[in-house]
Amino acid sequence: MHPALSVIFFTTLSGAGYGLLAWSAFAAVGGRVPGWPLLLGLATGLGLVTAGLVSSLFHLGQPRRAWRAFSQWRTSWLSREGVLALLTYLPALALAAMLWGDAAAPAHPGPGPAPRAGLWAAALLTIAGALATVVCTAMIYASLKPIPAWRHRLVVPGYLLFALLTGGLLLAAIEAVAGSRLENGPALAAMVLALALWRLKRRYWRDLDAPLPATRGDAVGLPGRVVTPFERPHTEANYVTREMAFALARRHAQRLRRLAVLLFAAVPVLLMLPVWIFVHLDAAPWYAAAALGALAGAFVERWLFFAEARHVVTLYY
């Protein structure tokens, strides 16, 4: 399908933002990270989510009517995504308010205060809302039966892994830049997520290269029938040929796949390896570079996600 930059920015930025919100809330429950870096992480996550949601409006024919989609949450994954996206703001803002109060309180010697019940509830709701919204975003595409590439079982796990990888690296970079001392655990987690994502995308692309599991009969609603076109459906280009029949040369797809893997897998692993080995290394530039590489790789992968999707209607056209 024809890749729309607005949707690519939306899925990439919102995924990273929700991953950042989930990791920030998880760190708040653990109580090992100072309040100010977590506040910055929550603010950055909310900013990325907001930017992604706003960018998605540019793909709509009538953006001013977007509010009407919220009423279709019983049957539409797009509507469920919108509802959950708005609901997730509530616990995230509540968590930020609590962390603000803790960070502004006078410092005292000894270990920090134990997490309060309200903080626990806000953090868990933020994690649940963020991850559920990412799942809904993935299901918008995974629920479309006419596009086998999106109907794949690895689409939802891939969206979740990208959100966790990019969001986790962003939070680690924010903490390191803010002066927090990080152990080698975040670096190890980033390497594991990057390698897992590489294996997932390798399996996904291998299945994608197989012949389209559909026939012309499926394209016109006659499964199991032999359909032979008499002539082309029309003589001029229309929405179907512009959006649904986008062609990407195989050689270009292979190059972009290698570029995506280099950015979202190889770069984070190579940068996190010395951070994991040398605990006293100044990790701020390493985490920042890894986060930027993962975001760039997610952008390239998301462009491929749309460009390589083949609608069954192309068999008829």
Protein backbone atom coordinates (compact mmCIF):
# COMPACT_ATOMS: atom_id res chain seq x y z
CA MET A 1 0.00 0.00 0.00
CA HIS A 2 1.05 3.59 -0.50
CA PRO A 3 2.93 4.72 2.65
CA ALA A 4 1.40 7.85 4.17
CA LEU A 5 3.93 9.87 6.17
CA SER A 6 1.26 11.01 8.62
CA VAL A 7 0.45 7.42 9.62
CA ILE A 8 4.14 6.48 9.75
CA PHE A 9 4.88 9.38 12.08
CA PHE A 10 1.81 8.49 14.13
CA THR A 11 2.67 4.83 14.67
CA THR A 12 6.37 5.53 15.27
CA LEU A 13 6.03 8.48 17.65
CA SER A 14 3.02 7.20 19.56
CA GLY A 15 4.62 3.76 19.92
CA ALA A 16 7.79 5.28 21.38
CA GLY A 17 5.71 7.58 23.59
CA TYR A 18 3.60 4.78 25.02
CA GLY A 19 6.68 2.66 25.56
CA LEU A 20 8.27 5.57 27.40
CA LEU A 21 5.15 6.01 29.56
CA ALA A 22 5.09 2.30 30.41
CA TRP A 23 8.77 2.18 31.38
CA SER A 24 8.52 5.42 33.37
CA ALA A 25 5.55 4.07 35.32
CA PHE A 26 7.39 0.80 35.92
CA ALA A 27 10.44 2.68 37.21
CA ALA A 28 8.20 4.78 39.48
CA VAL A 29 6.86 1.62 41.11
CA GLY A 30 10.39 0.32 41.58
CA GLY A 31 11.40 3.53 43.32
CA ARG A 32 15.03 3.30 42.17
CA VAL A 33 14.96 6.34 39.86
CA PRO A 34 14.82 9.93 41.16
CA GLY A 35 11.59 11.80 40.58
CA TRP A 36 12.84 14.49 38.20
CA PRO A 37 14.09 12.10 35.46
CA LEU A 38 10.82 10.18 35.69
CA LEU A 39 8.87 13.41 35.40
CA LEU A 40 10.85 14.30 32.30
CA GLY A 41 10.24 10.81 30.95
CA LEU A 42 6.49 11.09 31.48
CA ALA A 43 6.40 14.56 29.94
CA THR A 44 8.40 13.39 26.91
CA GLY A 45 6.18 10.34 26.54
CA LEU A 46 3.01 12.42 26.65
CA GLY A 47 4.54 14.83 24.15
CA LEU A 48 5.41 12.05 21.71
CA VAL A 49 1.95 10.51 22.09
CA THR A 50 0.27 13.85 21.49
CA ALA A 51 2.44 14.58 18.45
CA GLY A 52 1.66 11.15 17.03
CA LEU A 53 -2.08 11.51 17.56
CA VAL A 54 -2.11 14.96 15.98
CA SER A 55 -0.13 13.73 12.96
CA SER A 56 -2.66 10.93 12.41
CA LEU A 57 -5.38 13.52 11.79
CA PHE A 58 -3.66 14.66 8.60
CA HIS A 59 -4.48 11.33 6.96
CA LEU A 60 -8.21 11.81 7.49
CA GLY A 61 -10.37 13.25 4.75
CA GLN A 62 -12.35 15.31 7.30
CA PRO A 63 -10.19 15.73 10.45
CA ARG A 64 -12.87 17.79 12.18
CA ARG A 65 -15.10 14.72 12.24
CA ALA A 66 -12.55 12.51 14.02
CA TRP A 67 -14.48 12.80 17.31
CA ARG A 68 -17.31 10.76 15.81
CA ALA A 69 -15.12 7.65 15.71
CA PHE A 70 -15.16 7.39 19.51
CA SER A 71 -18.72 6.08 19.50
CA GLN A 72 -17.78 2.95 17.52
CA TRP A 73 -15.59 1.34 20.19
CA ARG A 74 -17.71 -1.83 20.26
CA THR A 75 -16.74 -2.80 16.72
CA SER A 76 -13.81 -0.61 15.63
CA TRP A 77 -10.20 -1.01 16.72
CA LEU A 78 -9.58 2.56 15.58
CA SER A 79 -12.26 3.78 17.97
CA ARG A 80 -10.89 1.63 20.81
CA GLU A 81 -7.45 3.07 20.20
CA GLY A 82 -8.81 6.62 20.44
CA VAL A 83 -10.75 5.90 23.62
CA LEU A 84 -7.79 4.21 25.32
CA ALA A 85 -5.42 6.94 24.15
CA LEU A 86 -7.50 9.58 25.90
CA LEU A 87 -8.07 7.45 29.02
CA THR A 88 -4.33 6.81 29.40
CA TYR A 89 -3.74 10.54 29.84
CA LEU A 90 -5.58 10.43 33.19
CA PRO A 91 -3.38 8.00 35.16
CA ALA A 92 -0.24 9.33 33.44
CA LEU A 93 -1.00 12.89 34.53
CA ALA A 94 -1.95 11.68 38.02
CA LEU A 95 1.34 9.80 38.27
CA ALA A 96 3.23 12.88 37.12
CA ALA A 97 1.49 14.98 39.79
CA MET A 98 2.48 12.52 42.51
CA LEU A 99 6.08 12.40 41.33
CA TRP A 100 6.12 16.19 41.20
CA GLY A 101 5.06 16.33 44.83
CA ASP A 102 7.71 13.79 45.84
CA ALA A 103 10.44 15.55 43.87
CA ALA A 104 9.53 18.95 45.33
CA ALA A 105 9.53 17.62 48.91
CA PRO A 106 12.61 18.40 51.03
CA ALA A 107 15.28 15.74 50.76
CA HIS A 108 15.99 13.59 53.81
CA PRO A 109 18.71 11.05 54.54
CA GLY A 110 18.09 7.36 54.15
CA PRO A 111 16.09 5.39 51.60
CA GLY A 112 13.24 7.04 49.75
CA PRO A 113 9.64 6.64 50.84
CA ALA A 114 7.82 3.46 49.92
CA PRO A 115 5.47 3.77 46.95
CA ARG A 116 1.99 4.82 48.03
CA ALA A 117 -1.13 2.94 47.05
CA GLY A 118 -2.23 5.83 44.83
CA LEU A 119 1.11 5.89 43.06
CA TRP A 120 0.94 2.13 42.52
CA ALA A 121 -2.55 2.40 41.06
CA ALA A 122 -1.65 5.29 38.75
CA ALA A 123 1.51 3.53 37.57
CA LEU A 124 -0.23 0.21 36.87
CA LEU A 125 -3.08 1.95 35.04
CA THR A 126 -0.55 3.91 32.99
CA ILE A 127 1.28 0.72 32.02
CA ALA A 128 -1.94 -1.09 31.16
CA GLY A 129 -3.35 1.84 29.19
CA ALA A 130 -0.13 2.44 27.25
CA LEU A 131 0.37 -1.18 26.23
CA ALA A 132 -3.34 -1.67 25.45
CA THR A 133 -3.30 1.39 23.19
CA VAL A 134 -0.31 0.00 21.27
CA VAL A 135 -2.16 -3.30 20.85
CA CYS A 136 -5.20 -1.44 19.51
CA THR A 137 -3.01 0.44 17.05
CA ALA A 138 -1.57 -2.83 15.76
CA MET A 139 -5.02 -4.44 15.61
CA ILE A 140 -6.27 -1.67 13.32
CA TYR A 141 -4.10 -3.32 10.67
CA ALA A 142 -4.02 -6.92 11.93
CA SER A 143 -7.84 -7.10 11.73
CA LEU A 144 -7.95 -6.39 7.98
CA LYS A 145 -8.45 -9.75 6.27
CA PRO A 146 -7.93 -8.49 2.67
CA ILE A 147 -4.28 -7.63 3.47
CA PRO A 148 -2.42 -10.85 4.43
CA ALA A 149 0.76 -8.98 5.35
CA TRP A 150 -1.12 -7.18 8.12
CA ARG A 151 -3.17 -10.18 9.15
CA HIS A 152 0.08 -11.87 10.23
CA ARG A 153 0.34 -13.14 13.82
CA LEU A 154 3.60 -11.22 14.40
CA VAL A 155 2.18 -7.75 13.71
CA VAL A 156 0.94 -7.14 17.27
CA PRO A 157 4.11 -8.50 18.99
CA GLY A 158 6.20 -6.39 16.61
CA TYR A 159 4.38 -3.19 17.53
CA LEU A 160 4.81 -3.97 21.24
CA LEU A 161 8.53 -4.75 20.90
CA PHE A 162 9.18 -1.54 18.98
CA ALA A 163 7.34 0.46 21.64
CA LEU A 164 9.28 -1.18 24.48
CA LEU A 165 12.66 -0.87 22.74
CA THR A 166 12.37 2.77 21.66
CA GLY A 167 10.62 3.85 24.87
CA GLY A 168 13.13 2.05 27.08
CA LEU A 169 16.12 3.55 25.32
CA LEU A 170 14.58 7.01 25.53
CA LEU A 171 14.00 6.68 29.27
CA ALA A 172 17.53 5.40 29.84
CA ALA A 173 18.92 8.30 27.81
CA ILE A 174 16.85 10.80 29.81
CA GLU A 175 18.01 9.32 33.11
CA ALA A 176 21.65 9.27 32.01
CA VAL A 177 21.55 12.86 30.74
CA ALA A 178 19.87 13.92 34.01
CA GLY A 179 22.81 12.49 35.95
CA SER A 180 21.22 9.31 37.31
CA ARG A 181 23.60 6.41 37.76
CA LEU A 182 22.37 3.44 35.75
CA GLU A 183 23.38 -0.14 36.34
CA ASN A 184 24.03 -2.42 33.37
CA GLY A 185 20.52 -3.87 33.53
CA PRO A 186 18.92 -1.38 31.09
CA ALA A 187 21.70 -1.99 28.56
CA LEU A 188 21.18 -5.75 28.77
CA ALA A 189 17.41 -5.35 28.43
CA ALA A 190 17.88 -3.13 25.36
CA MET A 191 20.13 -5.70 23.70
CA VAL A 192 17.67 -8.51 24.41
CA LEU A 193 14.75 -6.48 23.00
CA ALA A 194 16.74 -5.48 19.90
CA LEU A 195 17.76 -9.07 19.15
CA ALA A 196 14.24 -10.36 19.78
CA LEU A 197 12.87 -7.72 17.42
CA TRP A 198 15.42 -8.65 14.76
CA ARG A 199 14.39 -12.32 14.93
CA LEU A 200 10.71 -11.40 14.81
CA LYS A 201 11.09 -9.16 11.77
CA ARG A 202 13.27 -11.76 10.04
CA ARG A 203 10.50 -14.33 10.45
CA TYR A 204 7.86 -11.82 9.38
CA TRP A 205 9.71 -10.79 6.22
CA ARG A 206 10.38 -14.43 5.32
CA ASP A 207 6.65 -15.16 5.44
CA LEU A 208 5.94 -11.94 3.55
CA ASP A 209 8.12 -13.04 0.62
CA ALA A 210 5.92 -16.10 0.05
CA PRO A 211 3.28 -15.91 -2.71
CA LEU A 212 0.11 -14.04 -1.81
CA PRO A 213 -2.23 -16.62 -0.20
CA ALA A 214 -5.25 -15.53 -2.24
CA THR A 215 -6.72 -15.77 -5.72
CA ARG A 216 -8.74 -13.53 -8.02
CA GLY A 217 -11.84 -15.25 -6.72
CA ASP A 218 -11.00 -14.11 -3.19
CA ALA A 219 -10.48 -10.56 -4.47
CA VAL A 220 -13.98 -10.34 -5.92
CA GLY A 221 -15.74 -12.23 -3.14
CA LEU A 222 -15.92 -15.63 -4.88
CA PRO A 223 -13.50 -17.83 -2.92
CA GLY A 224 -12.78 -21.16 -4.53
CA ARG A 225 -13.95 -19.98 -7.97
CA VAL A 226 -11.78 -19.48 -11.03
CA VAL A 227 -12.17 -15.87 -12.12
CA THR A 228 -10.76 -14.66 -15.43
CA PRO A 229 -10.84 -10.91 -16.11
CA PHE A 230 -12.27 -9.93 -19.48
CA GLU A 231 -10.71 -6.45 -19.42
CA ARG A 232 -9.32 -3.93 -16.96
CA PRO A 233 -11.88 -2.60 -14.46
CA HIS A 234 -11.30 1.00 -15.60
CA THR A 235 -9.05 3.10 -17.76
CA GLU A 236 -8.03 5.81 -15.29
CA ALA A 237 -6.28 5.79 -11.96
CA ASN A 238 -8.43 5.89 -8.84
CA TYR A 239 -8.10 5.43 -5.08
CA VAL A 240 -7.60 1.67 -5.41
CA THR A 241 -4.67 1.95 -7.81
CA ARG A 242 -3.11 4.84 -5.89
CA GLU A 243 -3.41 3.46 -2.35
CA MET A 244 -3.97 -0.30 -2.60
CA ALA A 245 -1.67 -1.23 -5.50
CA PHE A 246 1.56 0.47 -4.50
CA ALA A 247 4.53 -1.46 -5.93
CA LEU A 248 7.94 -1.62 -4.28
CA ALA A 249 10.83 -3.17 -6.19
CA ARG A 250 12.27 -6.21 -4.45
CA ARG A 251 15.82 -4.87 -4.57
CA HIS A 252 14.74 -1.67 -2.86
CA ALA A 253 12.80 -3.62 -0.23
CA GLN A 254 15.85 -5.75 0.60
CA ARG A 255 18.06 -2.68 0.98
CA LEU A 256 15.54 -0.95 3.22
CA ARG A 257 15.15 -4.08 5.33
CA ARG A 258 18.90 -4.22 5.90
CA LEU A 259 18.92 -0.52 6.74
CA ALA A 260 16.09 -0.97 9.23
CA VAL A 261 17.83 -3.91 10.94
CA LEU A 262 21.07 -1.95 11.08
CA LEU A 263 19.33 0.96 12.80
CA PHE A 264 16.92 -0.74 15.23
CA ALA A 265 18.99 -3.84 16.06
CA ALA A 266 22.69 -3.60 15.20
CA VAL A 267 23.23 0.00 16.34
CA PRO A 268 21.57 -0.45 19.79
CA VAL A 269 23.36 -3.76 20.41
CA LEU A 270 26.78 -2.40 19.43
CA LEU A 271 26.28 0.76 21.52
CA MET A 272 24.86 -1.04 24.56
CA LEU A 273 27.58 -3.69 24.68
CA PRO A 274 30.29 -1.40 26.13
CA VAL A 275 27.73 0.18 28.48
CA TRP A 276 26.85 -3.29 29.76
CA ILE A 277 30.50 -4.34 30.18
CA PHE A 278 31.95 -1.09 31.58
CA VAL A 279 29.61 -0.05 34.39
CA HIS A 280 31.41 3.24 35.13
CA LEU A 281 31.24 4.43 31.52
CA ASP A 282 29.53 7.76 30.85
CA ALA A 283 26.40 6.20 29.38
CA ALA A 284 24.51 9.35 28.35
CA PRO A 285 25.83 9.69 24.76
CA TRP A 286 25.63 5.94 24.22
CA TYR A 287 21.99 5.70 25.26
CA ALA A 288 21.08 8.82 23.30
CA ALA A 289 22.69 7.51 20.11
CA ALA A 290 21.05 4.10 20.58
CA ALA A 291 17.63 5.71 21.09
CA LEU A 292 17.98 7.82 17.93
CA GLY A 293 19.11 4.77 15.96
CA ALA A 294 16.16 2.70 17.17
CA LEU A 295 13.69 5.48 16.33
CA ALA A 296 15.16 5.86 12.84
CA GLY A 297 15.00 2.10 12.36
CA ALA A 298 11.39 2.04 13.52
CA PHE A 299 10.56 4.75 10.98
CA VAL A 300 12.13 2.78 8.11
CA GLU A 301 10.47 -0.45 9.25
CA ARG A 302 7.10 1.25 9.50
CA TRP A 303 7.48 2.64 5.97
CA LEU A 304 8.15 -0.90 4.76
CA PHE A 305 5.19 -2.18 6.78
CA PHE A 306 2.87 -0.13 4.59
CA ALA A 307 4.81 -0.27 1.31
CA GLU A 308 5.07 -4.07 1.23
CA ALA A 309 1.42 -4.74 2.12
CA ARG A 310 -0.41 -6.20 -0.87
CA HIS A 311 -4.19 -5.97 -1.01
CA VAL A 312 -5.92 -8.98 -2.58
CA VAL A 313 -7.78 -6.63 -4.91
CA THR A 314 -4.50 -6.17 -6.83
CA LEU A 315 -4.97 -9.72 -8.14
CA TYR A 316 -8.06 -8.50 -9.98
CA TYR A 317 -6.61 -5.20 -11.14
